[in-house]
Amino acid sequence: MNGLCKAEIIHARWVWPSVTAVEIATMDWVQWWNTSRLHQSLDYRTPAEVEAEYPQHLRAAPAAI
């Protein structure tokens, strides 16, 4: 994930106006990564969708003995 962030955000621009601009771009990218990007390892769902379903998964799981 870090390598993708660097390739898609940090190295995509030669010059950044400020550290704050880098921080904002990074926060926007992480928001996109977690809420919009489909992940193959999550059966083409977003991390936000998987996290929202997790409590339901716990209720449906059989209790450990």
PDB file of N, CA and C in Angstrom:
ATOM      1  N   MET A   1       0.820  -1.183   0.000  1.00  0.00           N
ATOM      2  CA  MET A   1       0.000   0.000   0.000  1.00  0.00           C
ATOM      3  C   MET A   1       0.868   1.252   0.000  1.00  0.00           C
ATOM      4  N   ASN A   2       1.932   1.248   0.783  1.00  0.00           N
ATOM      5  CA  ASN A   2       2.794   2.432   0.827  1.00  0.00           C
ATOM      6  C   ASN A   2       3.412   2.730  -0.529  1.00  0.00           C
ATOM      7  N   GLY A   3       3.832   1.687  -1.224  1.00  0.00           N
ATOM      8  CA  GLY A   3       4.425   1.878  -2.546  1.00  0.00           C
ATOM      9  C   GLY A   3       3.425   2.448  -3.531  1.00  0.00           C
ATOM     10  N   LEU A   4       2.187   1.966  -3.474  1.00  0.00           N
ATOM     11  CA  LEU A   4       1.154   2.506  -4.354  1.00  0.00           C
ATOM     12  C   LEU A   4       0.868   3.964  -4.047  1.00  0.00           C
ATOM     13  N   CYS A   5       0.793   4.286  -2.775  1.00  0.00           N
ATOM     14  CA  CYS A   5       0.553   5.679  -2.381  1.00  0.00           C
ATOM     15  C   CYS A   5       1.668   6.578  -2.907  1.00  0.00           C
ATOM     16  N   LYS A   6       2.895   6.161  -2.726  1.00  0.00           N
ATOM     17  CA  LYS A   6       4.015   6.968  -3.208  1.00  0.00           C
ATOM     18  C   LYS A   6       3.969   7.127  -4.720  1.00  0.00           C
ATOM     19  N   ALA A   7       3.688   6.037  -5.431  1.00  0.00           N
ATOM     20  CA  ALA A   7       3.669   6.095  -6.892  1.00  0.00           C
ATOM     21  C   ALA A   7       2.512   6.950  -7.416  1.00  0.00           C
ATOM     22  N   GLU A   8       1.339   6.814  -6.791  1.00  0.00           N
ATOM     23  CA  GLU A   8       0.157   7.497  -7.296  1.00  0.00           C
ATOM     24  C   GLU A   8       0.021   8.928  -6.797  1.00  0.00           C
ATOM     25  N   ILE A   9       0.579   9.226  -5.652  1.00  0.00           N
ATOM     26  CA  ILE A   9       0.406  10.563  -5.074  1.00  0.00           C
ATOM     27  C   ILE A   9       1.726  11.329  -5.010  1.00  0.00           C
ATOM     28  N   ILE A  10       2.649  10.840  -4.248  1.00  0.00           N
ATOM     29  CA  ILE A  10       3.872  11.593  -3.933  1.00  0.00           C
ATOM     30  C   ILE A  10       4.729  11.825  -5.176  1.00  0.00           C
ATOM     31  N   HIS A  11       5.015  10.774  -5.932  1.00  0.00           N
ATOM     32  CA  HIS A  11       5.910  10.907  -7.077  1.00  0.00           C
ATOM     33  C   HIS A  11       5.194  11.389  -8.337  1.00  0.00           C
ATOM     34  N   ALA A  12       3.875  11.534  -8.269  1.00  0.00           N
ATOM     35  CA  ALA A  12       3.118  11.999  -9.433  1.00  0.00           C
ATOM     36  C   ALA A  12       3.361  13.488  -9.704  1.00  0.00           C
ATOM     37  N   ARG A  13       3.816  14.206  -8.694  1.00  0.00           N
ATOM     38  CA  ARG A  13       4.120  15.636  -8.848  1.00  0.00           C
ATOM     39  C   ARG A  13       5.595  15.853  -8.561  1.00  0.00           C
ATOM     40  N   TRP A  14       6.197  16.701  -9.319  1.00  0.00           N
ATOM     41  CA  TRP A  14       7.612  17.001  -9.100  1.00  0.00           C
ATOM     42  C   TRP A  14       7.799  17.918  -7.903  1.00  0.00           C
ATOM     43  N   VAL A  15       6.900  18.878  -7.759  1.00  0.00           N
ATOM     44  CA  VAL A  15       7.038  19.866  -6.686  1.00  0.00           C
ATOM     45  C   VAL A  15       5.705  19.989  -5.957  1.00  0.00           C
ATOM     46  N   TRP A  16       5.784  19.944  -4.658  1.00  0.00           N
ATOM     47  CA  TRP A  16       4.602  20.150  -3.826  1.00  0.00           C
ATOM     48  C   TRP A  16       4.703  21.536  -3.205  1.00  0.00           C
ATOM     49  N   PRO A  17       3.599  22.279  -3.117  1.00  0.00           N
ATOM     50  CA  PRO A  17       3.667  23.635  -2.569  1.00  0.00           C
ATOM     51  C   PRO A  17       3.991  23.676  -1.078  1.00  0.00           C
ATOM     52  N   SER A  18       3.605  22.609  -0.356  1.00  0.00           N
ATOM     53  CA  SER A  18       3.854  22.594   1.091  1.00  0.00           C
ATOM     54  C   SER A  18       3.677  21.179   1.628  1.00  0.00           C
ATOM     55  N   VAL A  19       4.127  20.981   2.836  1.00  0.00           N
ATOM     56  CA  VAL A  19       3.917  19.700   3.518  1.00  0.00           C
ATOM     57  C   VAL A  19       2.429  19.481   3.734  1.00  0.00           C
ATOM     58  N   THR A  20       1.710  20.536   4.019  1.00  0.00           N
ATOM     59  CA  THR A  20       0.265  20.434   4.224  1.00  0.00           C
ATOM     60  C   THR A  20      -0.425  19.911   2.966  1.00  0.00           C
ATOM     61  N   ALA A  21       0.008  20.335   1.809  1.00  0.00           N
ATOM     62  CA  ALA A  21      -0.570  19.855   0.548  1.00  0.00           C
ATOM     63  C   ALA A  21      -0.346  18.357   0.384  1.00  0.00           C
ATOM     64  N   VAL A  22       0.832  17.885   0.771  1.00  0.00           N
ATOM     65  CA  VAL A  22       1.127  16.444   0.710  1.00  0.00           C
ATOM     66  C   VAL A  22       0.225  15.693   1.694  1.00  0.00           C
ATOM     67  N   GLU A  23       0.059  16.224   2.892  1.00  0.00           N
ATOM     68  CA  GLU A  23      -0.776  15.572   3.897  1.00  0.00           C
ATOM     69  C   GLU A  23      -2.231  15.488   3.437  1.00  0.00           C
ATOM     70  N   ILE A  24      -2.742  16.551   2.854  1.00  0.00           N
ATOM     71  CA  ILE A  24      -4.127  16.559   2.379  1.00  0.00           C
ATOM     72  C   ILE A  24      -4.303  15.576   1.224  1.00  0.00           C
ATOM     73  N   ALA A  25      -3.367  15.568   0.283  1.00  0.00           N
ATOM     74  CA  ALA A  25      -3.444  14.624  -0.834  1.00  0.00           C
ATOM     75  C   ALA A  25      -3.387  13.185  -0.335  1.00  0.00           C
ATOM     76  N   THR A  26      -2.569  12.936   0.666  1.00  0.00           N
ATOM     77  CA  THR A  26      -2.453  11.588   1.236  1.00  0.00           C
ATOM     78  C   THR A  26      -3.748  11.187   1.938  1.00  0.00           C
ATOM     79  N   MET A  27      -4.330  12.095   2.703  1.00  0.00           N
ATOM     80  CA  MET A  27      -5.598  11.794   3.379  1.00  0.00           C
ATOM     81  C   MET A  27      -6.696  11.505   2.366  1.00  0.00           C
ATOM     82  N   ASP A  28      -6.745  12.277   1.277  1.00  0.00           N
ATOM     83  CA  ASP A  28      -7.745  12.036   0.229  1.00  0.00           C
ATOM     84  C   ASP A  28      -7.542  10.667  -0.407  1.00  0.00           C
ATOM     85  N   TRP A  29      -6.288  10.308  -0.657  1.00  0.00           N
ATOM     86  CA  TRP A  29      -5.982   9.018  -1.274  1.00  0.00           C
ATOM     87  C   TRP A  29      -6.376   7.869  -0.339  1.00  0.00           C
ATOM     88  N   VAL A  30      -6.087   7.974   0.935  1.00  0.00           N
ATOM     89  CA  VAL A  30      -6.451   6.927   1.899  1.00  0.00           C
ATOM     90  C   VAL A  30      -7.969   6.804   1.986  1.00  0.00           C
ATOM     91  N   GLN A  31      -8.681   7.921   1.958  1.00  0.00           N
ATOM     92  CA  GLN A  31     -10.149   7.896   1.969  1.00  0.00           C
ATOM     93  C   GLN A  31     -10.664   7.134   0.745  1.00  0.00           C
ATOM     94  N   TRP A  32     -10.100   7.437  -0.421  1.00  0.00           N
ATOM     95  CA  TRP A  32     -10.488   6.741  -1.645  1.00  0.00           C
ATOM     96  C   TRP A  32     -10.171   5.249  -1.528  1.00  0.00           C
ATOM     97  N   TRP A  33      -8.974   4.921  -1.042  1.00  0.00           N
ATOM     98  CA  TRP A  33      -8.523   3.526  -0.906  1.00  0.00           C
ATOM     99  C   TRP A  33      -9.490   2.718  -0.047  1.00  0.00           C
ATOM    100  N   ASN A  34      -9.977   3.315   1.032  1.00  0.00           N
ATOM    101  CA  ASN A  34     -10.827   2.596   1.981  1.00  0.00           C
ATOM    102  C   ASN A  34     -12.302   2.573   1.603  1.00  0.00           C
ATOM    103  N   THR A  35     -12.768   3.557   0.833  1.00  0.00           N
ATOM    104  CA  THR A  35     -14.203   3.652   0.591  1.00  0.00           C
ATOM    105  C   THR A  35     -14.633   3.438  -0.853  1.00  0.00           C
ATOM    106  N   SER A  36     -13.741   3.556  -1.807  1.00  0.00           N
ATOM    107  CA  SER A  36     -14.139   3.449  -3.212  1.00  0.00           C
ATOM    108  C   SER A  36     -13.410   2.359  -3.984  1.00  0.00           C
ATOM    109  N   ARG A  37     -12.161   2.109  -3.669  1.00  0.00           N
ATOM    110  CA  ARG A  37     -11.358   1.158  -4.434  1.00  0.00           C
ATOM    111  C   ARG A  37     -11.771  -0.269  -4.099  1.00  0.00           C
ATOM    112  N   LEU A  38     -12.069  -1.051  -5.134  1.00  0.00           N
ATOM    113  CA  LEU A  38     -12.414  -2.454  -4.945  1.00  0.00           C
ATOM    114  C   LEU A  38     -11.130  -3.266  -4.803  1.00  0.00           C
ATOM    115  N   HIS A  39     -11.091  -4.136  -3.797  1.00  0.00           N
ATOM    116  CA  HIS A  39      -9.910  -4.937  -3.509  1.00  0.00           C
ATOM    117  C   HIS A  39     -10.158  -6.384  -3.907  1.00  0.00           C
ATOM    118  N   GLN A  40      -9.291  -6.924  -4.734  1.00  0.00           N
ATOM    119  CA  GLN A  40      -9.430  -8.303  -5.182  1.00  0.00           C
ATOM    120  C   GLN A  40      -9.440  -9.261  -3.995  1.00  0.00           C
ATOM    121  N   SER A  41      -8.592  -9.037  -3.020  1.00  0.00           N
ATOM    122  CA  SER A  41      -8.494  -9.942  -1.871  1.00  0.00           C
ATOM    123  C   SER A  41      -9.743  -9.899  -0.983  1.00  0.00           C
ATOM    124  N   LEU A  42     -10.604  -8.901  -1.192  1.00  0.00           N
ATOM    125  CA  LEU A  42     -11.850  -8.790  -0.428  1.00  0.00           C
ATOM    126  C   LEU A  42     -13.057  -9.121  -1.313  1.00  0.00           C
ATOM    127  N   ASP A  43     -12.838  -9.969  -2.310  1.00  0.00           N
ATOM    128  CA  ASP A  43     -13.900 -10.350  -3.261  1.00  0.00           C
ATOM    129  C   ASP A  43     -14.491  -9.121  -3.952  1.00  0.00           C
ATOM    130  N   TYR A  44     -13.619  -8.210  -4.344  1.00  0.00           N
ATOM    131  CA  TYR A  44     -13.996  -7.001  -5.080  1.00  0.00           C
ATOM    132  C   TYR A  44     -15.000  -6.143  -4.308  1.00  0.00           C
ATOM    133  N   ARG A  45     -14.711  -6.009  -3.023  1.00  0.00           N
ATOM    134  CA  ARG A  45     -15.458  -5.098  -2.158  1.00  0.00           C
ATOM    135  C   ARG A  45     -14.465  -4.096  -1.600  1.00  0.00           C
ATOM    136  N   THR A  46     -14.986  -3.046  -0.994  1.00  0.00           N
ATOM    137  CA  THR A  46     -14.117  -2.054  -0.366  1.00  0.00           C
ATOM    138  C   THR A  46     -13.858  -2.454   1.085  1.00  0.00           C
ATOM    139  N   PRO A  47     -12.763  -1.979   1.670  1.00  0.00           N
ATOM    140  CA  PRO A  47     -12.530  -2.250   3.090  1.00  0.00           C
ATOM    141  C   PRO A  47     -13.671  -1.738   3.970  1.00  0.00           C
ATOM    142  N   ALA A  48     -14.278  -0.627   3.610  1.00  0.00           N
ATOM    143  CA  ALA A  48     -15.390  -0.092   4.398  1.00  0.00           C
ATOM    144  C   ALA A  48     -16.582  -1.047   4.387  1.00  0.00           C
ATOM    145  N   GLU A  49     -16.859  -1.663   3.238  1.00  0.00           N
ATOM    146  CA  GLU A  49     -17.960  -2.634   3.161  1.00  0.00           C
ATOM    147  C   GLU A  49     -17.681  -3.857   4.018  1.00  0.00           C
ATOM    148  N   VAL A  50     -16.473  -4.357   3.954  1.00  0.00           N
ATOM    149  CA  VAL A  50     -16.099  -5.538   4.737  1.00  0.00           C
ATOM    150  C   VAL A  50     -16.171  -5.229   6.228  1.00  0.00           C
ATOM    151  N   GLU A  51     -15.689  -4.070   6.609  1.00  0.00           N
ATOM    152  CA  GLU A  51     -15.729  -3.689   8.025  1.00  0.00           C
ATOM    153  C   GLU A  51     -17.167  -3.530   8.512  1.00  0.00           C
ATOM    154  N   ALA A  52     -18.037  -2.986   7.684  1.00  0.00           N
ATOM    155  CA  ALA A  52     -19.437  -2.813   8.076  1.00  0.00           C
ATOM    156  C   ALA A  52     -20.135  -4.157   8.261  1.00  0.00           C
ATOM    157  N   GLU A  53     -19.735  -5.171   7.500  1.00  0.00           N
ATOM    158  CA  GLU A  53     -20.336  -6.496   7.602  1.00  0.00           C
ATOM    159  C   GLU A  53     -19.777  -7.325   8.757  1.00  0.00           C
ATOM    160  N   TYR A  54     -18.680  -6.921   9.315  1.00  0.00           N
ATOM    161  CA  TYR A  54     -17.998  -7.727  10.333  1.00  0.00           C
ATOM    162  C   TYR A  54     -18.875  -8.035  11.553  1.00  0.00           C
ATOM    163  N   PRO A  55     -19.602  -7.071  12.133  1.00  0.00           N
ATOM    164  CA  PRO A  55     -20.442  -7.422  13.298  1.00  0.00           C
ATOM    165  C   PRO A  55     -21.490  -8.485  12.968  1.00  0.00           C
ATOM    166  N   GLN A  56     -22.041  -8.457  11.761  1.00  0.00           N
ATOM    167  CA  GLN A  56     -23.008  -9.476  11.359  1.00  0.00           C
ATOM    168  C   GLN A  56     -22.338 -10.847  11.285  1.00  0.00           C
ATOM    169  N   HIS A  57     -21.102 -10.857  10.818  1.00  0.00           N
ATOM    170  CA  HIS A  57     -20.339 -12.102  10.727  1.00  0.00           C
ATOM    171  C   HIS A  57     -20.115 -12.687  12.121  1.00  0.00           C
ATOM    172  N   LEU A  58     -19.858 -11.841  13.092  1.00  0.00           N
ATOM    173  CA  LEU A  58     -19.642 -12.325  14.459  1.00  0.00           C
ATOM    174  C   LEU A  58     -20.912 -12.936  15.042  1.00  0.00           C
ATOM    175  N   ARG A  59     -22.049 -12.331  14.777  1.00  0.00           N
ATOM    176  CA  ARG A  59     -23.316 -12.866  15.308  1.00  0.00           C
ATOM    177  C   ARG A  59     -23.672 -14.190  14.649  1.00  0.00           C
ATOM    178  N   ALA A  60     -23.301 -14.369  13.406  1.00  0.00           N
ATOM    179  CA  ALA A  60     -23.657 -15.589  12.684  1.00  0.00           C
ATOM    180  C   ALA A  60     -22.698 -16.745  12.974  1.00  0.00           C
ATOM    181  N   ALA A  61     -21.512 -16.431  13.477  1.00  0.00           N
ATOM    182  CA  ALA A  61     -20.504 -17.474  13.720  1.00  0.00           C
ATOM    183  C   ALA A  61     -20.912 -18.317  14.935  1.00  0.00           C
ATOM    184  N   PRO A  62     -20.676 -19.620  14.866  1.00  0.00           N
ATOM    185  CA  PRO A  62     -20.969 -20.471  16.032  1.00  0.00           C
ATOM    186  C   PRO A  62     -19.999 -20.146  17.182  1.00  0.00           C
ATOM    187  N   ALA A  63     -20.499 -20.287  18.389  1.00  0.00           N
ATOM    188  CA  ALA A  63     -19.685 -20.006  19.573  1.00  0.00           C
ATOM    189  C   ALA A  63     -18.613 -21.090  19.732  1.00  0.00           C
ATOM    190  N   ALA A  64     -17.434 -20.647  20.130  1.00  0.00           N
ATOM    191  CA  ALA A  64     -16.341 -21.597  20.392  1.00  0.00           C
ATOM    192  C   ALA A  64     -16.583 -22.307  21.706  1.00  0.00           C
ATOM    193  N   ILE A  65     -16.219 -23.566  21.747  1.00  0.00           N
ATOM    194  CA  ILE A  65     -16.429 -24.341  22.987  1.00  0.00           C
ATOM    195  C   ILE A  65     -15.114 -24.500  23.706  1.00  0.00           C
TER     196      ILE A  65
END
